[in-house]
mmCIF file of all heavy atoms, coordinates in Angstrom:
data_MODEL
# 
_entry.id   MODEL 
# 
loop_
_atom_site.group_PDB 
_atom_site.id 
_atom_site.type_symbol 
_atom_site.label_atom_id 
_atom_site.label_alt_id 
_atom_site.label_comp_id 
_atom_site.label_asym_id 
_atom_site.label_entity_id 
_atom_site.label_seq_id 
_atom_site.pdbx_PDB_ins_code 
_atom_site.Cartn_x 
_atom_site.Cartn_y 
_atom_site.Cartn_z 
_atom_site.occupancy 
_atom_site.B_iso_or_equiv 
_atom_site.pdbx_formal_charge 
_atom_site.auth_seq_id 
_atom_site.auth_comp_id 
_atom_site.auth_asym_id 
_atom_site.auth_atom_id 
_atom_site.pdbx_PDB_model_num 
ATOM 1   N N   . ALA A 1 1  ? 0.849   -1.193 0.000  1.00 0.00 ? 1  ALA A N   1 
ATOM 2   C CA  . ALA A 1 1  ? 0.000   0.000  0.000  1.00 0.00 ? 1  ALA A CA  1 
ATOM 3   C C   . ALA A 1 1  ? 0.885   1.245  0.000  1.00 0.00 ? 1  ALA A C   1 
ATOM 4   O O   . ALA A 1 1  ? 1.838   1.323  0.780  1.00 0.00 ? 1  ALA A O   1 
ATOM 5   C CB  . ALA A 1 1  ? -0.921  0.007  1.211  1.00 0.00 ? 1  ALA A CB  1 
ATOM 6   N N   . ILE A 1 2  ? 0.559   2.200  -0.875 1.00 0.00 ? 2  ILE A N   1 
ATOM 7   C CA  . ILE A 1 2  ? 1.299   3.471  -0.917 1.00 0.00 ? 2  ILE A CA  1 
ATOM 8   C C   . ILE A 1 2  ? 0.299   4.619  -0.867 1.00 0.00 ? 2  ILE A C   1 
ATOM 9   O O   . ILE A 1 2  ? -0.132  5.142  -1.899 1.00 0.00 ? 2  ILE A O   1 
ATOM 10  C CB  . ILE A 1 2  ? 2.188   3.582  -2.176 1.00 0.00 ? 2  ILE A CB  1 
ATOM 11  C CG1 . ILE A 1 2  ? 3.102   2.370  -2.307 1.00 0.00 ? 2  ILE A CG1 1 
ATOM 12  C CG2 . ILE A 1 2  ? 3.022   4.869  -2.116 1.00 0.00 ? 2  ILE A CG2 1 
ATOM 13  C CD1 . ILE A 1 2  ? 4.033   2.424  -3.505 1.00 0.00 ? 2  ILE A CD1 1 
ATOM 14  N N   . PRO A 1 3  ? -0.096  5.027  0.336  1.00 0.00 ? 3  PRO A N   1 
ATOM 15  C CA  . PRO A 1 3  ? -0.954  6.205  0.460  1.00 0.00 ? 3  PRO A CA  1 
ATOM 16  C C   . PRO A 1 3  ? -0.108  7.480  0.493  1.00 0.00 ? 3  PRO A C   1 
ATOM 17  O O   . PRO A 1 3  ? 0.851   7.579  1.265  1.00 0.00 ? 3  PRO A O   1 
ATOM 18  C CB  . PRO A 1 3  ? -1.669  5.974  1.793  1.00 0.00 ? 3  PRO A CB  1 
ATOM 19  C CG  . PRO A 1 3  ? -0.712  5.148  2.595  1.00 0.00 ? 3  PRO A CG  1 
ATOM 20  C CD  . PRO A 1 3  ? 0.111   4.345  1.629  1.00 0.00 ? 3  PRO A CD  1 
ATOM 21  N N   . GLU A 1 4  ? -0.474  8.448  -0.329 1.00 0.00 ? 4  GLU A N   1 
ATOM 22  C CA  . GLU A 1 4  ? 0.277   9.702  -0.414 1.00 0.00 ? 4  GLU A CA  1 
ATOM 23  C C   . GLU A 1 4  ? -0.585  10.862 0.096  1.00 0.00 ? 4  GLU A C   1 
ATOM 24  O O   . GLU A 1 4  ? -1.753  10.981 -0.269 1.00 0.00 ? 4  GLU A O   1 
ATOM 25  C CB  . GLU A 1 4  ? 0.710   9.969  -1.858 1.00 0.00 ? 4  GLU A CB  1 
ATOM 26  C CG  . GLU A 1 4  ? 1.605   8.881  -2.429 1.00 0.00 ? 4  GLU A CG  1 
ATOM 27  C CD  . GLU A 1 4  ? 1.944   9.119  -3.892 1.00 0.00 ? 4  GLU A CD  1 
ATOM 28  O OE1 . GLU A 1 4  ? 2.938   9.803  -4.169 1.00 0.00 ? 4  GLU A OE1 1 
ATOM 29  O OE2 . GLU A 1 4  ? 1.206   8.607  -4.764 1.00 0.00 ? 4  GLU A OE2 1 
ATOM 30  N N   . VAL A 1 5  ? 0.007   11.694 0.938  1.00 0.00 ? 5  VAL A N   1 
ATOM 31  C CA  . VAL A 1 5  ? -0.614  12.896 1.522  1.00 0.00 ? 5  VAL A CA  1 
ATOM 32  C C   . VAL A 1 5  ? -2.071  12.643 1.896  1.00 0.00 ? 5  VAL A C   1 
ATOM 33  O O   . VAL A 1 5  ? -2.974  13.403 1.550  1.00 0.00 ? 5  VAL A O   1 
ATOM 34  C CB  . VAL A 1 5  ? -0.469  14.118 0.591  1.00 0.00 ? 5  VAL A CB  1 
ATOM 35  C CG1 . VAL A 1 5  ? 0.987   14.530 0.491  1.00 0.00 ? 5  VAL A CG1 1 
ATOM 36  C CG2 . VAL A 1 5  ? -1.030  13.868 -0.818 1.00 0.00 ? 5  VAL A CG2 1 
ATOM 37  N N   . GLY A 1 6  ? -2.321  11.566 2.615  1.00 0.00 ? 6  GLY A N   1 
ATOM 38  C CA  . GLY A 1 6  ? -3.677  11.157 2.936  1.00 0.00 ? 6  GLY A CA  1 
ATOM 39  C C   . GLY A 1 6  ? -4.202  11.727 4.243  1.00 0.00 ? 6  GLY A C   1 
ATOM 40  O O   . GLY A 1 6  ? -3.449  12.182 5.103  1.00 0.00 ? 6  GLY A O   1 
ATOM 41  N N   . VAL A 1 7  ? -5.530  11.675 4.378  1.00 0.00 ? 7  VAL A N   1 
ATOM 42  C CA  . VAL A 1 7  ? -6.221  12.066 5.609  1.00 0.00 ? 7  VAL A CA  1 
ATOM 43  C C   . VAL A 1 7  ? -6.488  10.776 6.386  1.00 0.00 ? 7  VAL A C   1 
ATOM 44  O O   . VAL A 1 7  ? -7.271  9.948  5.950  1.00 0.00 ? 7  VAL A O   1 
ATOM 45  C CB  . VAL A 1 7  ? -7.556  12.774 5.294  1.00 0.00 ? 7  VAL A CB  1 
ATOM 46  C CG1 . VAL A 1 7  ? -8.180  13.320 6.575  1.00 0.00 ? 7  VAL A CG1 1 
ATOM 47  C CG2 . VAL A 1 7  ? -7.354  13.888 4.285  1.00 0.00 ? 7  VAL A CG2 1 
ATOM 48  N N   . PHE A 1 8  ? -5.857  10.613 7.532  1.00 0.00 ? 8  PHE A N   1 
ATOM 49  C CA  . PHE A 1 8  ? -5.963  9.362  8.279  1.00 0.00 ? 8  PHE A CA  1 
ATOM 50  C C   . PHE A 1 8  ? -6.609  9.515  9.657  1.00 0.00 ? 8  PHE A C   1 
ATOM 51  O O   . PHE A 1 8  ? -7.195  8.575  10.162 1.00 0.00 ? 8  PHE A O   1 
ATOM 52  C CB  . PHE A 1 8  ? -4.578  8.727  8.448  1.00 0.00 ? 8  PHE A CB  1 
ATOM 53  C CG  . PHE A 1 8  ? -3.855  8.511  7.150  1.00 0.00 ? 8  PHE A CG  1 
ATOM 54  C CD1 . PHE A 1 8  ? -2.663  9.171  6.878  1.00 0.00 ? 8  PHE A CD1 1 
ATOM 55  C CD2 . PHE A 1 8  ? -4.370  7.667  6.183  1.00 0.00 ? 8  PHE A CD2 1 
ATOM 56  C CE1 . PHE A 1 8  ? -1.996  8.978  5.687  1.00 0.00 ? 8  PHE A CE1 1 
ATOM 57  C CE2 . PHE A 1 8  ? -3.716  7.468  4.984  1.00 0.00 ? 8  PHE A CE2 1 
ATOM 58  C CZ  . PHE A 1 8  ? -2.523  8.126  4.730  1.00 0.00 ? 8  PHE A CZ  1 
ATOM 59  N N   . ASP A 1 9  ? -6.487  10.697 10.247 1.00 0.00 ? 9  ASP A N   1 
ATOM 60  C CA  . ASP A 1 9  ? -7.079  10.952 11.560 1.00 0.00 ? 9  ASP A CA  1 
ATOM 61  C C   . ASP A 1 9  ? -8.391  11.707 11.351 1.00 0.00 ? 9  ASP A C   1 
ATOM 62  O O   . ASP A 1 9  ? -8.448  12.930 11.454 1.00 0.00 ? 9  ASP A O   1 
ATOM 63  C CB  . ASP A 1 9  ? -6.120  11.763 12.433 1.00 0.00 ? 9  ASP A CB  1 
ATOM 64  C CG  . ASP A 1 9  ? -6.657  11.991 13.842 1.00 0.00 ? 9  ASP A CG  1 
ATOM 65  O OD1 . ASP A 1 9  ? -7.817  11.601 14.111 1.00 0.00 ? 9  ASP A OD1 1 
ATOM 66  O OD2 . ASP A 1 9  ? -5.931  12.570 14.672 1.00 0.00 ? 9  ASP A OD2 1 
ATOM 67  N N   . MET A 1 10 ? -9.456  10.959 11.056 1.00 0.00 ? 10 MET A N   1 
ATOM 68  C CA  . MET A 1 10 ? -10.737 11.600 10.766 1.00 0.00 ? 10 MET A CA  1 
ATOM 69  C C   . MET A 1 10 ? -11.391 12.173 12.021 1.00 0.00 ? 10 MET A C   1 
ATOM 70  O O   . MET A 1 10 ? -12.260 13.046 11.928 1.00 0.00 ? 10 MET A O   1 
ATOM 71  C CB  . MET A 1 10 ? -11.675 10.608 10.082 1.00 0.00 ? 10 MET A CB  1 
ATOM 72  C CG  . MET A 1 10 ? -11.223 10.155 8.702  1.00 0.00 ? 10 MET A CG  1 
ATOM 73  S SD  . MET A 1 10 ? -11.047 11.526 7.525  1.00 0.00 ? 10 MET A SD  1 
ATOM 74  C CE  . MET A 1 10 ? -12.745 12.074 7.378  1.00 0.00 ? 10 MET A CE  1 
ATOM 75  N N   . PHE A 1 11 ? -10.975 11.736 13.200 1.00 0.00 ? 11 PHE A N   1 
ATOM 76  C CA  . PHE A 1 11 ? -11.481 12.315 14.448 1.00 0.00 ? 11 PHE A CA  1 
ATOM 77  C C   . PHE A 1 11 ? -11.186 13.816 14.487 1.00 0.00 ? 11 PHE A C   1 
ATOM 78  O O   . PHE A 1 11 ? -11.991 14.612 14.970 1.00 0.00 ? 11 PHE A O   1 
ATOM 79  C CB  . PHE A 1 11 ? -10.812 11.612 15.634 1.00 0.00 ? 11 PHE A CB  1 
ATOM 80  C CG  . PHE A 1 11 ? -11.420 11.932 16.975 1.00 0.00 ? 11 PHE A CG  1 
ATOM 81  C CD1 . PHE A 1 11 ? -12.234 11.005 17.615 1.00 0.00 ? 11 PHE A CD1 1 
ATOM 82  C CD2 . PHE A 1 11 ? -11.175 13.142 17.612 1.00 0.00 ? 11 PHE A CD2 1 
ATOM 83  C CE1 . PHE A 1 11 ? -12.792 11.283 18.868 1.00 0.00 ? 11 PHE A CE1 1 
ATOM 84  C CE2 . PHE A 1 11 ? -11.721 13.429 18.847 1.00 0.00 ? 11 PHE A CE2 1 
ATOM 85  C CZ  . PHE A 1 11 ? -12.537 12.500 19.483 1.00 0.00 ? 11 PHE A CZ  1 
ATOM 86  N N   . LYS A 1 12 ? -10.011 14.197 13.939 1.00 0.00 ? 12 LYS A N   1 
ATOM 87  C CA  . LYS A 1 12 ? -9.568  15.589 14.042 1.00 0.00 ? 12 LYS A CA  1 
ATOM 88  C C   . LYS A 1 12 ? -9.489  16.309 12.691 1.00 0.00 ? 12 LYS A C   1 
ATOM 89  O O   . LYS A 1 12 ? -8.923  17.400 12.624 1.00 0.00 ? 12 LYS A O   1 
ATOM 90  C CB  . LYS A 1 12 ? -8.191  15.646 14.716 1.00 0.00 ? 12 LYS A CB  1 
ATOM 91  C CG  . LYS A 1 12 ? -8.200  15.242 16.183 1.00 0.00 ? 12 LYS A CG  1 
ATOM 92  C CD  . LYS A 1 12 ? -6.848  15.507 16.826 1.00 0.00 ? 12 LYS A CD  1 
ATOM 93  C CE  . LYS A 1 12 ? -6.886  15.245 18.320 1.00 0.00 ? 12 LYS A CE  1 
ATOM 94  N NZ  . LYS A 1 12 ? -5.573  15.549 18.963 1.00 0.00 ? 12 LYS A NZ  1 
ATOM 95  N N   . PHE A 1 13 ? -10.046 15.708 11.625 1.00 0.00 ? 13 PHE A N   1 
ATOM 96  C CA  . PHE A 1 13 ? -9.801  16.297 10.306 1.00 0.00 ? 13 PHE A CA  1 
ATOM 97  C C   . PHE A 1 13 ? -10.299 17.733 10.192 1.00 0.00 ? 13 PHE A C   1 
ATOM 98  O O   . PHE A 1 13 ? -9.709  18.559 9.489  1.00 0.00 ? 13 PHE A O   1 
ATOM 99  C CB  . PHE A 1 13 ? -10.403 15.413 9.201  1.00 0.00 ? 13 PHE A CB  1 
ATOM 100 C CG  . PHE A 1 13 ? -11.855 15.675 8.887  1.00 0.00 ? 13 PHE A CG  1 
ATOM 101 C CD1 . PHE A 1 13 ? -12.206 16.532 7.852  1.00 0.00 ? 13 PHE A CD1 1 
ATOM 102 C CD2 . PHE A 1 13 ? -12.865 15.061 9.610  1.00 0.00 ? 13 PHE A CD2 1 
ATOM 103 C CE1 . PHE A 1 13 ? -13.542 16.766 7.551  1.00 0.00 ? 13 PHE A CE1 1 
ATOM 104 C CE2 . PHE A 1 13 ? -14.192 15.287 9.305  1.00 0.00 ? 13 PHE A CE2 1 
ATOM 105 C CZ  . PHE A 1 13 ? -14.543 16.155 8.282  1.00 0.00 ? 13 PHE A CZ  1 
ATOM 106 N N   . GLU A 1 14 ? -11.378 18.070 10.903 1.00 0.00 ? 14 GLU A N   1 
ATOM 107 C CA  . GLU A 1 14 ? -11.918 19.436 10.810 1.00 0.00 ? 14 GLU A CA  1 
ATOM 108 C C   . GLU A 1 14 ? -11.039 20.459 11.523 1.00 0.00 ? 14 GLU A C   1 
ATOM 109 O O   . GLU A 1 14 ? -11.166 21.661 11.268 1.00 0.00 ? 14 GLU A O   1 
ATOM 110 C CB  . GLU A 1 14 ? -13.322 19.478 11.405 1.00 0.00 ? 14 GLU A CB  1 
ATOM 111 C CG  . GLU A 1 14 ? -14.386 18.806 10.559 1.00 0.00 ? 14 GLU A CG  1 
ATOM 112 C CD  . GLU A 1 14 ? -15.752 18.880 11.220 1.00 0.00 ? 14 GLU A CD  1 
ATOM 113 O OE1 . GLU A 1 14 ? -16.257 20.005 11.400 1.00 0.00 ? 14 GLU A OE1 1 
ATOM 114 O OE2 . GLU A 1 14 ? -16.307 17.816 11.551 1.00 0.00 ? 14 GLU A OE2 1 
ATOM 115 N N   . GLU A 1 15 ? -10.174 20.012 12.413 1.00 0.00 ? 15 GLU A N   1 
ATOM 116 C CA  . GLU A 1 15 ? -9.350  20.944 13.188 1.00 0.00 ? 15 GLU A CA  1 
ATOM 117 C C   . GLU A 1 15 ? -8.195  21.513 12.372 1.00 0.00 ? 15 GLU A C   1 
ATOM 118 O O   . GLU A 1 15 ? -7.627  22.542 12.733 1.00 0.00 ? 15 GLU A O   1 
ATOM 119 C CB  . GLU A 1 15 ? -8.784  20.243 14.424 1.00 0.00 ? 15 GLU A CB  1 
ATOM 120 C CG  . GLU A 1 15 ? -9.836  19.789 15.418 1.00 0.00 ? 15 GLU A CG  1 
ATOM 121 C CD  . GLU A 1 15 ? -9.217  19.138 16.644 1.00 0.00 ? 15 GLU A CD  1 
ATOM 122 O OE1 . GLU A 1 15 ? -8.002  19.355 16.882 1.00 0.00 ? 15 GLU A OE1 1 
ATOM 123 O OE2 . GLU A 1 15 ? -9.935  18.410 17.348 1.00 0.00 ? 15 GLU A OE2 1 
ATOM 124 N N   . TYR A 1 16 ? -7.827  20.817 11.290 1.00 0.00 ? 16 TYR A N   1 
ATOM 125 C CA  . TYR A 1 16 ? -6.633  21.204 10.551 1.00 0.00 ? 16 TYR A CA  1 
ATOM 126 C C   . TYR A 1 16 ? -6.991  21.895 9.232  1.00 0.00 ? 16 TYR A C   1 
ATOM 127 O O   . TYR A 1 16 ? -7.868  21.452 8.494  1.00 0.00 ? 16 TYR A O   1 
ATOM 128 C CB  . TYR A 1 16 ? -5.775  19.970 10.228 1.00 0.00 ? 16 TYR A CB  1 
ATOM 129 C CG  . TYR A 1 16 ? -5.355  19.160 11.425 1.00 0.00 ? 16 TYR A CG  1 
ATOM 130 C CD1 . TYR A 1 16 ? -5.520  17.775 11.442 1.00 0.00 ? 16 TYR A CD1 1 
ATOM 131 C CD2 . TYR A 1 16 ? -4.797  19.766 12.538 1.00 0.00 ? 16 TYR A CD2 1 
ATOM 132 C CE1 . TYR A 1 16 ? -5.139  17.016 12.533 1.00 0.00 ? 16 TYR A CE1 1 
ATOM 133 C CE2 . TYR A 1 16 ? -4.415  19.013 13.639 1.00 0.00 ? 16 TYR A CE2 1 
ATOM 134 C CZ  . TYR A 1 16 ? -4.584  17.644 13.633 1.00 0.00 ? 16 TYR A CZ  1 
ATOM 135 O OH  . TYR A 1 16 ? -4.204  16.904 14.721 1.00 0.00 ? 16 TYR A OH  1 
ATOM 136 N N   . THR A 1 17 ? -6.288  22.950 8.938  1.00 0.00 ? 17 THR A N   1 
ATOM 137 C CA  . THR A 1 17 ? -6.244  23.652 7.646  1.00 0.00 ? 17 THR A CA  1 
ATOM 138 C C   . THR A 1 17 ? -7.592  23.644 6.926  1.00 0.00 ? 17 THR A C   1 
ATOM 139 O O   . THR A 1 17 ? -8.541  24.259 7.381  1.00 0.00 ? 17 THR A O   1 
ATOM 140 C CB  . THR A 1 17 ? -5.137  23.066 6.755  1.00 0.00 ? 17 THR A CB  1 
ATOM 141 O OG1 . THR A 1 17 ? -5.358  21.681 6.523  1.00 0.00 ? 17 THR A OG1 1 
ATOM 142 C CG2 . THR A 1 17 ? -3.780  23.236 7.417  1.00 0.00 ? 17 THR A CG2 1 
ATOM 143 N N   . VAL A 1 18 ? -7.699  22.920 5.791  1.00 0.00 ? 18 VAL A N   1 
ATOM 144 C CA  . VAL A 1 18 ? -8.889  23.021 4.945  1.00 0.00 ? 18 VAL A CA  1 
ATOM 145 C C   . VAL A 1 18 ? -9.985  22.032 5.319  1.00 0.00 ? 18 VAL A C   1 
ATOM 146 O O   . VAL A 1 18 ? -10.998 21.926 4.616  1.00 0.00 ? 18 VAL A O   1 
ATOM 147 C CB  . VAL A 1 18 ? -8.522  22.823 3.454  1.00 0.00 ? 18 VAL A CB  1 
ATOM 148 C CG1 . VAL A 1 18 ? -7.538  23.874 3.008  1.00 0.00 ? 18 VAL A CG1 1 
ATOM 149 C CG2 . VAL A 1 18 ? -7.980  21.422 3.203  1.00 0.00 ? 18 VAL A CG2 1 
ATOM 150 N N   . GLY A 1 19 ? -9.822  21.294 6.425  1.00 0.00 ? 19 GLY A N   1 
ATOM 151 C CA  . GLY A 1 19 ? -10.831 20.319 6.811  1.00 0.00 ? 19 GLY A CA  1 
ATOM 152 C C   . GLY A 1 19 ? -12.211 20.929 6.954  1.00 0.00 ? 19 GLY A C   1 
ATOM 153 O O   . GLY A 1 19 ? -13.224 20.286 6.657  1.00 0.00 ? 19 GLY A O   1 
ATOM 154 N N   . ARG A 1 20 ? -12.268 22.179 7.362  1.00 0.00 ? 20 ARG A N   1 
ATOM 155 C CA  . ARG A 1 20 ? -13.568 22.834 7.562  1.00 0.00 ? 20 ARG A CA  1 
ATOM 156 C C   . ARG A 1 20 ? -14.356 22.953 6.266  1.00 0.00 ? 20 ARG A C   1 
ATOM 157 O O   . ARG A 1 20 ? -15.583 23.054 6.273  1.00 0.00 ? 20 ARG A O   1 
ATOM 158 C CB  . ARG A 1 20 ? -13.364 24.222 8.185  1.00 0.00 ? 20 ARG A CB  1 
ATOM 159 C CG  . ARG A 1 20 ? -12.712 25.248 7.257  1.00 0.00 ? 20 ARG A CG  1 
ATOM 160 C CD  . ARG A 1 20 ? -12.511 26.579 7.966  1.00 0.00 ? 20 ARG A CD  1 
ATOM 161 N NE  . ARG A 1 20 ? -12.004 27.610 7.073  1.00 0.00 ? 20 ARG A NE  1 
ATOM 162 C CZ  . ARG A 1 20 ? -12.765 28.409 6.341  1.00 0.00 ? 20 ARG A CZ  1 
ATOM 163 N NH1 . ARG A 1 20 ? -14.076 28.284 6.378  1.00 0.00 ? 20 ARG A NH1 1 
ATOM 164 N NH2 . ARG A 1 20 ? -12.222 29.331 5.557  1.00 0.00 ? 20 ARG A NH2 1 
ATOM 165 N N   . PHE A 1 21 ? -13.643 22.957 5.113  1.00 0.00 ? 21 PHE A N   1 
ATOM 166 C CA  . PHE A 1 21 ? -14.326 23.055 3.823  1.00 0.00 ? 21 PHE A CA  1 
ATOM 167 C C   . PHE A 1 21 ? -14.919 21.718 3.377  1.00 0.00 ? 21 PHE A C   1 
ATOM 168 O O   . PHE A 1 21 ? -15.666 21.674 2.400  1.00 0.00 ? 21 PHE A O   1 
ATOM 169 C CB  . PHE A 1 21 ? -13.351 23.518 2.740  1.00 0.00 ? 21 PHE A CB  1 
ATOM 170 C CG  . PHE A 1 21 ? -12.814 24.906 2.949  1.00 0.00 ? 21 PHE A CG  1 
ATOM 171 C CD1 . PHE A 1 21 ? -11.447 25.142 2.912  1.00 0.00 ? 21 PHE A CD1 1 
ATOM 172 C CD2 . PHE A 1 21 ? -13.657 25.974 3.180  1.00 0.00 ? 21 PHE A CD2 1 
ATOM 173 C CE1 . PHE A 1 21 ? -10.933 26.410 3.096  1.00 0.00 ? 21 PHE A CE1 1 
ATOM 174 C CE2 . PHE A 1 21 ? -13.151 27.254 3.371  1.00 0.00 ? 21 PHE A CE2 1 
ATOM 175 C CZ  . PHE A 1 21 ? -11.788 27.478 3.330  1.00 0.00 ? 21 PHE A CZ  1 
ATOM 176 N N   . HIS A 1 22 ? -14.569 20.642 4.063  1.00 0.00 ? 22 HIS A N   1 
ATOM 177 C CA  . HIS A 1 22 ? -14.894 19.306 3.566  1.00 0.00 ? 22 HIS A CA  1 
ATOM 178 C C   . HIS A 1 22 ? -15.973 18.591 4.372  1.00 0.00 ? 22 HIS A C   1 
ATOM 179 O O   . HIS A 1 22 ? -16.166 17.382 4.232  1.00 0.00 ? 22 HIS A O   1 
ATOM 180 C CB  . HIS A 1 22 ? -13.622 18.452 3.526  1.00 0.00 ? 22 HIS A CB  1 
ATOM 181 C CG  . HIS A 1 22 ? -12.578 19.005 2.606  1.00 0.00 ? 22 HIS A CG  1 
ATOM 182 N ND1 . HIS A 1 22 ? -11.249 18.677 2.717  1.00 0.00 ? 22 HIS A ND1 1 
ATOM 183 C CD2 . HIS A 1 22 ? -12.680 19.874 1.561  1.00 0.00 ? 22 HIS A CD2 1 
ATOM 184 C CE1 . HIS A 1 22 ? -10.567 19.321 1.778  1.00 0.00 ? 22 HIS A CE1 1 
ATOM 185 N NE2 . HIS A 1 22 ? -11.413 20.054 1.076  1.00 0.00 ? 22 HIS A NE2 1 
ATOM 186 N N   . VAL A 1 23 ? -16.677 19.360 5.195  1.00 0.00 ? 23 VAL A N   1 
ATOM 187 C CA  . VAL A 1 23 ? -17.765 18.780 5.972  1.00 0.00 ? 23 VAL A CA  1 
ATOM 188 C C   . VAL A 1 23 ? -18.872 18.272 5.050  1.00 0.00 ? 23 VAL A C   1 
ATOM 189 O O   . VAL A 1 23 ? -19.515 17.260 5.340  1.00 0.00 ? 23 VAL A O   1 
ATOM 190 C CB  . VAL A 1 23 ? -18.314 19.825 6.970  1.00 0.00 ? 23 VAL A CB  1 
ATOM 191 C CG1 . VAL A 1 23 ? -19.593 19.337 7.622  1.00 0.00 ? 23 VAL A CG1 1 
ATOM 192 C CG2 . VAL A 1 23 ? -17.267 20.134 8.035  1.00 0.00 ? 23 VAL A CG2 1 
ATOM 193 N N   . ASP A 1 24 ? -19.096 18.960 3.930  1.00 0.00 ? 24 ASP A N   1 
ATOM 194 C CA  . ASP A 1 24 ? -20.129 18.498 3.002  1.00 0.00 ? 24 ASP A CA  1 
ATOM 195 C C   . ASP A 1 24 ? -19.747 17.164 2.368  1.00 0.00 ? 24 ASP A C   1 
ATOM 196 O O   . ASP A 1 24 ? -20.613 16.374 1.980  1.00 0.00 ? 24 ASP A O   1 
ATOM 197 C CB  . ASP A 1 24 ? -20.403 19.543 1.916  1.00 0.00 ? 24 ASP A CB  1 
ATOM 198 C CG  . ASP A 1 24 ? -19.163 19.925 1.133  1.00 0.00 ? 24 ASP A CG  1 
ATOM 199 O OD1 . ASP A 1 24 ? -18.046 19.786 1.670  1.00 0.00 ? 24 ASP A OD1 1 
ATOM 200 O OD2 . ASP A 1 24 ? -19.306 20.373 -0.019 1.00 0.00 ? 24 ASP A OD2 1 
ATOM 201 N N   . GLU A 1 25 ? -18.452 16.875 2.259  1.00 0.00 ? 25 GLU A N   1 
ATOM 202 C CA  . GLU A 1 25 ? -17.988 15.621 1.659  1.00 0.00 ? 25 GLU A CA  1 
ATOM 203 C C   . GLU A 1 25 ? -18.013 14.464 2.648  1.00 0.00 ? 25 GLU A C   1 
ATOM 204 O O   . GLU A 1 25 ? -18.402 13.343 2.310  1.00 0.00 ? 25 GLU A O   1 
ATOM 205 C CB  . GLU A 1 25 ? -16.570 15.787 1.108  1.00 0.00 ? 25 GLU A CB  1 
ATOM 206 C CG  . GLU A 1 25 ? -16.024 14.566 0.394  1.00 0.00 ? 25 GLU A CG  1 
ATOM 207 C CD  . GLU A 1 25 ? -16.712 14.269 -0.933 1.00 0.00 ? 25 GLU A CD  1 
ATOM 208 O OE1 . GLU A 1 25 ? -17.281 15.205 -1.534 1.00 0.00 ? 25 GLU A OE1 1 
ATOM 209 O OE2 . GLU A 1 25 ? -16.695 13.104 -1.358 1.00 0.00 ? 25 GLU A OE2 1 
ATOM 210 N N   . PHE A 1 26 ? -17.606 14.733 3.905  1.00 0.00 ? 26 PHE A N   1 
ATOM 211 C CA  . PHE A 1 26 ? -17.459 13.656 4.882  1.00 0.00 ? 26 PHE A CA  1 
ATOM 212 C C   . PHE A 1 26 ? -18.543 13.653 5.962  1.00 0.00 ? 26 PHE A C   1 
ATOM 213 O O   . PHE A 1 26 ? -18.738 12.635 6.623  1.00 0.00 ? 26 PHE A O   1 
ATOM 214 C CB  . PHE A 1 26 ? -16.101 13.756 5.584  1.00 0.00 ? 26 PHE A CB  1 
ATOM 215 C CG  . PHE A 1 26 ? -14.921 13.624 4.664  1.00 0.00 ? 26 PHE A CG  1 
ATOM 216 C CD1 . PHE A 1 26 ? -14.066 14.684 4.436  1.00 0.00 ? 26 PHE A CD1 1 
ATOM 217 C CD2 . PHE A 1 26 ? -14.675 12.426 4.018  1.00 0.00 ? 26 PHE A CD2 1 
ATOM 218 C CE1 . PHE A 1 26 ? -12.975 14.559 3.587  1.00 0.00 ? 26 PHE A CE1 1 
ATOM 219 C CE2 . PHE A 1 26 ? -13.590 12.286 3.168  1.00 0.00 ? 26 PHE A CE2 1 
ATOM 220 C CZ  . PHE A 1 26 ? -12.745 13.360 2.950  1.00 0.00 ? 26 PHE A CZ  1 
# 
């Protein structure tokens, strides 16, 4: 498996950088 620049900690994804823009997606 080769995951590149992935989002892995979904518990905190909204706390970082552009996570707030992705609430409609997740």
